[in-house]
Protein backbone atom coordinates (compact mmCIF):
# COMPACT_ATOMS: atom_id res chain seq x y z
CA MET A 1 3.91 -138.78 -38.11
CA LYS A 2 7.40 -138.59 -35.94
CA VAL A 3 9.32 -136.10 -37.23
CA LEU A 4 13.27 -135.85 -35.74
CA LEU A 5 14.62 -131.83 -35.86
CA LEU A 6 18.45 -131.94 -35.43
CA PHE A 7 20.26 -128.65 -34.96
CA PRO A 8 23.72 -128.64 -36.07
CA PRO A 9 27.09 -128.08 -34.49
CA GLU A 10 29.36 -125.11 -34.56
CA TRP A 11 26.87 -122.98 -32.54
CA LEU A 12 27.89 -121.08 -29.28
CA PRO A 13 26.49 -123.50 -26.15
CA THR A 14 25.92 -119.29 -24.76
CA GLU A 15 24.00 -118.12 -27.39
CA PRO A 16 20.76 -120.70 -28.08
CA TYR A 17 19.08 -121.20 -30.50
CA LEU A 18 15.70 -121.16 -30.38
CA SER A 19 13.62 -122.28 -32.90
CA LEU A 20 14.05 -125.43 -32.70
CA PRO A 21 12.46 -125.67 -28.86
CA ILE A 22 9.89 -123.26 -30.22
CA LEU A 23 9.01 -125.83 -33.88
CA THR A 24 9.13 -128.92 -31.14
CA ALA A 25 6.21 -126.55 -29.43
CA VAL A 26 3.91 -126.42 -32.68
CA LEU A 27 4.61 -129.90 -33.93
CA ARG A 28 3.17 -131.38 -30.89
CA SER A 29 0.55 -128.50 -30.16
CA ALA A 30 -0.20 -129.46 -33.66
CA GLY A 31 -0.03 -133.77 -32.73
CA TYR A 32 2.91 -134.19 -34.22
CA GLU A 33 5.22 -137.39 -32.44
CA VAL A 34 9.06 -134.21 -32.05
CA ILE A 35 12.64 -136.63 -30.79
CA GLN A 36 14.95 -132.84 -30.87
CA LYS A 37 18.43 -133.86 -30.93
CA ASP A 38 21.04 -130.83 -30.57
CA ILE A 39 24.00 -131.68 -31.63
CA ASN A 40 26.38 -128.94 -31.42
CA VAL A 41 25.29 -130.40 -26.97
CA LEU A 42 26.84 -133.96 -27.93
CA MET A 43 29.49 -132.29 -29.78
CA TYR A 44 30.81 -130.58 -27.40
CA ASP A 45 30.27 -133.53 -24.75
CA MET A 46 32.11 -136.33 -27.11
CA MET A 47 34.98 -133.19 -27.63
CA LEU A 48 36.05 -132.39 -23.50
CA SER A 49 35.80 -135.56 -22.81
CA ALA A 50 38.68 -138.27 -21.27
CA PRO A 51 39.57 -140.17 -24.00
CA PHE A 52 39.22 -137.10 -27.30
CA LEU A 53 41.19 -135.10 -24.97
CA ARG A 54 44.21 -138.08 -24.64
CA HIS A 55 43.81 -138.12 -28.62
CA ILE A 56 44.98 -134.44 -28.76
CA GLN A 57 47.30 -134.81 -26.46
CA LYS A 58 48.71 -137.65 -29.11
CA ARG A 59 48.21 -134.82 -31.80
CA ILE A 60 50.21 -132.44 -30.22
CA PRO A 61 54.38 -133.21 -30.81
CA HIS A 62 53.07 -133.79 -35.02
CA ALA A 63 51.53 -129.81 -34.60
CA ARG A 64 54.66 -128.70 -32.18
CA ALA A 65 57.18 -130.65 -35.81
CA TYR A 66 55.47 -128.27 -37.98
CA TYR A 67 54.65 -125.40 -36.42
CA GLN A 68 58.67 -125.59 -35.90
CA GLN A 69 59.23 -126.62 -39.29
CA ARG A 70 57.33 -123.72 -40.59
CA SER A 71 58.98 -121.40 -38.87
CA THR A 72 62.37 -122.09 -40.16
CA VAL A 73 60.92 -121.23 -43.54
CA GLN A 74 59.03 -118.18 -42.73
CA SER A 75 58.41 -116.31 -39.53
CA LEU A 76 55.22 -117.18 -38.04
CA ASN A 77 51.96 -114.37 -36.90
CA GLU A 78 51.87 -113.47 -34.08
CA GLU A 79 49.21 -115.97 -33.44
CA TYR A 80 50.57 -118.38 -34.76
CA GLN A 81 53.98 -118.26 -32.86
CA ARG A 82 51.76 -118.19 -29.54
CA LEU A 83 50.48 -121.33 -30.48
CA LEU A 84 53.54 -123.13 -30.73
CA ASN A 85 54.92 -121.27 -27.62
CA MET A 86 51.60 -123.49 -25.84
CA LEU A 87 52.57 -126.18 -27.76
CA CYS A 88 55.68 -126.20 -26.64
CA ASN A 89 55.27 -125.92 -23.32
CA CYS A 90 52.63 -128.28 -22.49
CA ASN A 91 53.73 -130.96 -20.24
CA GLU A 92 52.16 -134.81 -19.03
CA GLU A 93 50.95 -132.88 -15.56
CA GLN A 94 48.87 -130.30 -17.50
CA PHE A 95 47.57 -132.37 -19.50
CA THR A 96 46.14 -134.20 -16.17
CA HIS A 97 45.44 -131.77 -15.04
CA LEU A 98 43.03 -130.12 -17.67
CA ILE A 99 41.51 -133.96 -17.97
CA GLU A 100 40.31 -133.59 -14.19
CA ASP A 101 38.79 -130.44 -14.48
CA VAL A 102 36.96 -131.85 -17.09
CA GLU A 103 35.62 -134.71 -16.08
CA LYS A 104 34.25 -132.71 -12.71
CA ALA A 105 32.53 -130.16 -15.12
CA ARG A 106 31.07 -133.27 -16.86
CA ARG A 107 29.85 -134.68 -13.54
CA ILE A 108 28.33 -131.35 -12.19
CA LEU A 109 26.88 -130.53 -15.32
CA LYS A 110 25.24 -134.02 -15.70
CA SER A 111 24.28 -133.84 -12.06
CA VAL A 112 22.35 -130.40 -12.70
CA VAL A 113 21.00 -131.47 -15.47
CA SER A 114 19.63 -134.75 -14.60
CA THR A 115 17.74 -133.34 -11.50
CA SER A 116 16.43 -130.29 -13.30
CA PRO A 117 12.71 -130.08 -13.81
CA LEU A 118 13.04 -129.48 -16.59
CA SER A 119 15.01 -133.04 -18.27
């Protein structure tokens, strides 16, 4: 029998969830064919990619306009004011550097994972 175990997104990557690996080991020792997928890792890999970050960049003017308009109707709380300030200060050069840094980090991580004895 084949079993697919999925770990859902929205988990902190710094706090690994160990139930699935343990369940996978138990099922495999009982003779089951188990595939384990961490959707959380796949989600971060997708979100921290150049295409997705460029997609986010295209949305910045809309978000900026929304919060600027909202601030004319009511005062923004500290969190939203800080967000508006970041949106107003975001420029192409910063975004390009961010994407370059993220892609570099992804390459390093993937090279470490691919050379790991556990992979």
